[in-house]
Amino acid sequence: MQYTWLDEYVMKKTGVTKDLQESWNWIRYHIGGKMFAAVCLDDEDKPFYINLKLEPMEGAFLREQYEDIIPGYYSNKTHWNSIKTDGAVPDELLKDLLDKSYQLVFGGLTKKKQKEILENSGVQKGE
């Protein structure tokens, strides 16, 4: 996988947890118990896709621009997008998409859950 920085980058985000969904062989990243990103592993435990949630229009636009971004692998094809781990998507774009996916899922949490995550991390809303 060319995006060797991904785990460290994502785990620095406020309130992020990760797990391994063994039956899928996916490393999943969550905020508030909701997945916002996943690294899909093959039978040899090598990454082959990174799944991200994006606004439908943005996802569709990016799939037209990059052949290495496709509709979500084993996911809702409207909201989820998969990025090939050996493809040509620039690091800065992938970081931006990870940020957007995180914000999209965080924004979908209840205000109570958002506040709890921010308080537990020592971050105040608006910082």
C-alpha atoms as a PDB file:
ATOM      1  CA  MET A   1       0.000   0.000   0.000  1.00  0.00           C
ATOM      2  CA  GLN A   2       1.397   3.377  -0.929  1.00  0.00           C
ATOM      3  CA  TYR A   3      -0.534   5.214   1.807  1.00  0.00           C
ATOM      4  CA  THR A   4       1.563   3.946   4.708  1.00  0.00           C
ATOM      5  CA  TRP A   5       0.789   7.121   6.695  1.00  0.00           C
ATOM      6  CA  LEU A   6      -2.979   6.448   6.765  1.00  0.00           C
ATOM      7  CA  ASP A   7      -3.324   4.736  10.158  1.00  0.00           C
ATOM      8  CA  GLU A   8      -1.259   7.332  12.005  1.00  0.00           C
ATOM      9  CA  TYR A   9      -3.089  10.184  10.256  1.00  0.00           C
ATOM     10  CA  VAL A  10      -6.556   8.861  11.039  1.00  0.00           C
ATOM     11  CA  MET A  11      -5.810   7.845  14.620  1.00  0.00           C
ATOM     12  CA  LYS A  12      -4.739  11.436  15.453  1.00  0.00           C
ATOM     13  CA  LYS A  13      -8.291  12.630  14.841  1.00  0.00           C
ATOM     14  CA  THR A  14     -10.415  13.418  17.880  1.00  0.00           C
ATOM     15  CA  GLY A  15     -12.327  10.436  19.281  1.00  0.00           C
ATOM     16  CA  VAL A  16     -11.300   7.892  16.638  1.00  0.00           C
ATOM     17  CA  THR A  17     -11.279   4.193  17.433  1.00  0.00           C
ATOM     18  CA  LYS A  18     -10.428   1.261  15.213  1.00  0.00           C
ATOM     19  CA  ASP A  19     -11.105  -2.423  15.087  1.00  0.00           C
ATOM     20  CA  LEU A  20     -10.689  -5.408  12.806  1.00  0.00           C
ATOM     21  CA  GLN A  21     -13.931  -6.792  11.408  1.00  0.00           C
ATOM     22  CA  GLU A  22     -12.591 -10.317  11.051  1.00  0.00           C
ATOM     23  CA  SER A  23     -15.417 -11.717   8.931  1.00  0.00           C
ATOM     24  CA  TRP A  24     -14.789  -9.005   6.311  1.00  0.00           C
ATOM     25  CA  ASN A  25     -11.047  -8.657   6.970  1.00  0.00           C
ATOM     26  CA  TRP A  26     -11.459  -4.890   7.200  1.00  0.00           C
ATOM     27  CA  ILE A  27      -9.656  -2.475   9.508  1.00  0.00           C
ATOM     28  CA  ARG A  28     -12.446  -0.058  10.415  1.00  0.00           C
ATOM     29  CA  TYR A  29     -12.137   3.482  11.778  1.00  0.00           C
ATOM     30  CA  HIS A  30     -15.016   4.889  13.826  1.00  0.00           C
ATOM     31  CA  ILE A  31     -16.146   8.124  15.398  1.00  0.00           C
ATOM     32  CA  GLY A  32     -18.913   7.806  17.960  1.00  0.00           C
ATOM     33  CA  GLY A  33     -19.394   4.159  17.050  1.00  0.00           C
ATOM     34  CA  LYS A  34     -19.990   4.950  13.363  1.00  0.00           C
ATOM     35  CA  MET A  35     -17.552   3.898  10.657  1.00  0.00           C
ATOM     36  CA  PHE A  36     -16.101   6.673   8.510  1.00  0.00           C
ATOM     37  CA  ALA A  37     -13.235   4.772   6.856  1.00  0.00           C
ATOM     38  CA  ALA A  38     -12.027   1.232   6.332  1.00  0.00           C
ATOM     39  CA  VAL A  39      -8.988  -0.468   4.877  1.00  0.00           C
ATOM     40  CA  CYS A  40     -10.080  -3.622   3.063  1.00  0.00           C
ATOM     41  CA  LEU A  41      -7.536  -6.436   3.262  1.00  0.00           C
ATOM     42  CA  ASP A  42      -7.120  -9.334   0.848  1.00  0.00           C
ATOM     43  CA  ASP A  43      -6.575 -13.012   1.720  1.00  0.00           C
ATOM     44  CA  GLU A  44      -2.903 -12.245   2.434  1.00  0.00           C
ATOM     45  CA  ASP A  45      -3.842  -9.310   4.728  1.00  0.00           C
ATOM     46  CA  LYS A  46      -2.588  -6.768   2.195  1.00  0.00           C
ATOM     47  CA  PRO A  47      -4.680  -3.592   1.719  1.00  0.00           C
ATOM     48  CA  PHE A  48      -6.464  -3.309  -1.626  1.00  0.00           C
ATOM     49  CA  TYR A  49      -9.153  -0.648  -1.021  1.00  0.00           C
ATOM     50  CA  ILE A  50      -9.748   2.250   1.310  1.00  0.00           C
ATOM     51  CA  ASN A  51     -13.468   2.891   1.815  1.00  0.00           C
ATOM     52  CA  LEU A  52     -14.652   6.423   2.644  1.00  0.00           C
ATOM     53  CA  LYS A  53     -18.015   8.078   3.052  1.00  0.00           C
ATOM     54  CA  LEU A  54     -18.528  11.216   0.946  1.00  0.00           C
ATOM     55  CA  GLU A  55     -21.378  13.436  -0.145  1.00  0.00           C
ATOM     56  CA  PRO A  56     -22.939  11.677  -3.173  1.00  0.00           C
ATOM     57  CA  MET A  57     -22.223  14.488  -5.664  1.00  0.00           C
ATOM     58  CA  GLU A  58     -18.583  14.761  -4.617  1.00  0.00           C
ATOM     59  CA  GLY A  59     -18.110  10.990  -4.767  1.00  0.00           C
ATOM     60  CA  ALA A  60     -19.594  10.852  -8.264  1.00  0.00           C
ATOM     61  CA  PHE A  61     -17.395  13.754  -9.408  1.00  0.00           C
ATOM     62  CA  LEU A  62     -14.225  12.125  -8.048  1.00  0.00           C
ATOM     63  CA  ARG A  63     -15.056   8.782  -9.672  1.00  0.00           C
ATOM     64  CA  GLU A  64     -15.180  10.611 -13.008  1.00  0.00           C
ATOM     65  CA  GLN A  65     -11.815  12.277 -12.346  1.00  0.00           C
ATOM     66  CA  TYR A  66      -9.831   9.303 -10.997  1.00  0.00           C
ATOM     67  CA  GLU A  67      -9.978   5.766 -12.332  1.00  0.00           C
ATOM     68  CA  ASP A  68      -8.655   4.573  -8.951  1.00  0.00           C
ATOM     69  CA  ILE A  69     -11.772   5.835  -7.137  1.00  0.00           C
ATOM     70  CA  ILE A  70     -14.763   3.554  -7.612  1.00  0.00           C
ATOM     71  CA  PRO A  71     -18.192   3.093  -6.008  1.00  0.00           C
ATOM     72  CA  GLY A  72     -17.910   1.623  -2.506  1.00  0.00           C
ATOM     73  CA  TYR A  73     -16.657  -1.946  -2.348  1.00  0.00           C
ATOM     74  CA  TYR A  74     -19.302  -3.999  -0.502  1.00  0.00           C
ATOM     75  CA  SER A  75     -20.870  -0.690   0.574  1.00  0.00           C
ATOM     76  CA  ASN A  76     -23.687   1.651  -0.346  1.00  0.00           C
ATOM     77  CA  LYS A  77     -22.577   2.839  -3.790  1.00  0.00           C
ATOM     78  CA  THR A  78     -24.173   6.274  -3.373  1.00  0.00           C
ATOM     79  CA  HIS A  79     -22.454   7.317  -0.153  1.00  0.00           C
ATOM     80  CA  TRP A  80     -19.309   5.184  -0.057  1.00  0.00           C
ATOM     81  CA  ASN A  81     -16.289   5.258  -2.338  1.00  0.00           C
ATOM     82  CA  SER A  82     -13.309   2.939  -2.604  1.00  0.00           C
ATOM     83  CA  ILE A  83      -9.792   4.053  -3.410  1.00  0.00           C
ATOM     84  CA  LYS A  84      -7.282   1.559  -4.772  1.00  0.00           C
ATOM     85  CA  THR A  85      -4.307   1.400  -2.438  1.00  0.00           C
ATOM     86  CA  ASP A  86      -1.785   1.058  -5.264  1.00  0.00           C
ATOM     87  CA  GLY A  87      -3.389   3.721  -7.439  1.00  0.00           C
ATOM     88  CA  ALA A  88      -2.633   7.266  -8.421  1.00  0.00           C
ATOM     89  CA  VAL A  89      -4.762   9.272  -5.978  1.00  0.00           C
ATOM     90  CA  PRO A  90      -2.443  11.940  -4.503  1.00  0.00           C
ATOM     91  CA  ASP A  91      -1.728  11.790  -0.764  1.00  0.00           C
ATOM     92  CA  GLU A  92      -3.088  15.297  -0.172  1.00  0.00           C
ATOM     93  CA  LEU A  93      -6.369  14.424  -1.891  1.00  0.00           C
ATOM     94  CA  LEU A  94      -6.737  11.245   0.159  1.00  0.00           C
ATOM     95  CA  LYS A  95      -6.065  13.204   3.365  1.00  0.00           C
ATOM     96  CA  ASP A  96      -8.736  15.702   2.341  1.00  0.00           C
ATOM     97  CA  LEU A  97     -11.195  12.873   1.647  1.00  0.00           C
ATOM     98  CA  LEU A  98     -10.425  11.225   4.998  1.00  0.00           C
ATOM     99  CA  ASP A  99     -11.075  14.580   6.698  1.00  0.00           C
ATOM    100  CA  LYS A 100     -14.363  15.004   4.840  1.00  0.00           C
ATOM    101  CA  SER A 101     -15.500  11.480   5.659  1.00  0.00           C
ATOM    102  CA  TYR A 102     -14.690  12.028   9.337  1.00  0.00           C
ATOM    103  CA  GLN A 103     -16.559  15.354   9.398  1.00  0.00           C
ATOM    104  CA  LEU A 104     -19.546  13.920   7.537  1.00  0.00           C
ATOM    105  CA  VAL A 105     -19.969  11.056   9.995  1.00  0.00           C
ATOM    106  CA  PHE A 106     -19.189  13.237  13.037  1.00  0.00           C
ATOM    107  CA  GLY A 107     -21.769  15.763  11.829  1.00  0.00           C
ATOM    108  CA  GLY A 108     -24.366  13.002  11.593  1.00  0.00           C
ATOM    109  CA  LEU A 109     -23.992  12.115  15.269  1.00  0.00           C
ATOM    110  CA  THR A 110     -26.379  13.560  17.816  1.00  0.00           C
ATOM    111  CA  LYS A 111     -25.331  16.856  19.374  1.00  0.00           C
ATOM    112  CA  LYS A 112     -25.106  15.022  22.699  1.00  0.00           C
ATOM    113  CA  LYS A 113     -22.701  12.434  21.229  1.00  0.00           C
ATOM    114  CA  GLN A 114     -20.617  15.143  19.526  1.00  0.00           C
ATOM    115  CA  LYS A 115     -20.319  17.042  22.810  1.00  0.00           C
ATOM    116  CA  GLU A 116     -19.365  13.850  24.675  1.00  0.00           C
ATOM    117  CA  ILE A 117     -16.595  13.075  22.149  1.00  0.00           C
ATOM    118  CA  LEU A 118     -15.225  16.610  22.300  1.00  0.00           C
ATOM    119  CA  GLU A 119     -15.361  16.761  26.099  1.00  0.00           C
ATOM    120  CA  ASN A 120     -13.645  13.387  26.472  1.00  0.00           C
ATOM    121  CA  SER A 121     -10.850  14.563  24.206  1.00  0.00           C
ATOM    122  CA  GLY A 122     -10.413  17.918  25.929  1.00  0.00           C
ATOM    123  CA  VAL A 123     -11.476  19.824  22.800  1.00  0.00           C
ATOM    124  CA  GLN A 124     -14.123  22.493  23.118  1.00  0.00           C
ATOM    125  CA  LYS A 125     -16.640  22.935  20.326  1.00  0.00           C
ATOM    126  CA  GLY A 126     -15.580  25.755  18.033  1.00  0.00           C
ATOM    127  CA  GLU A 127     -11.836  25.191  18.481  1.00  0.00           C
END
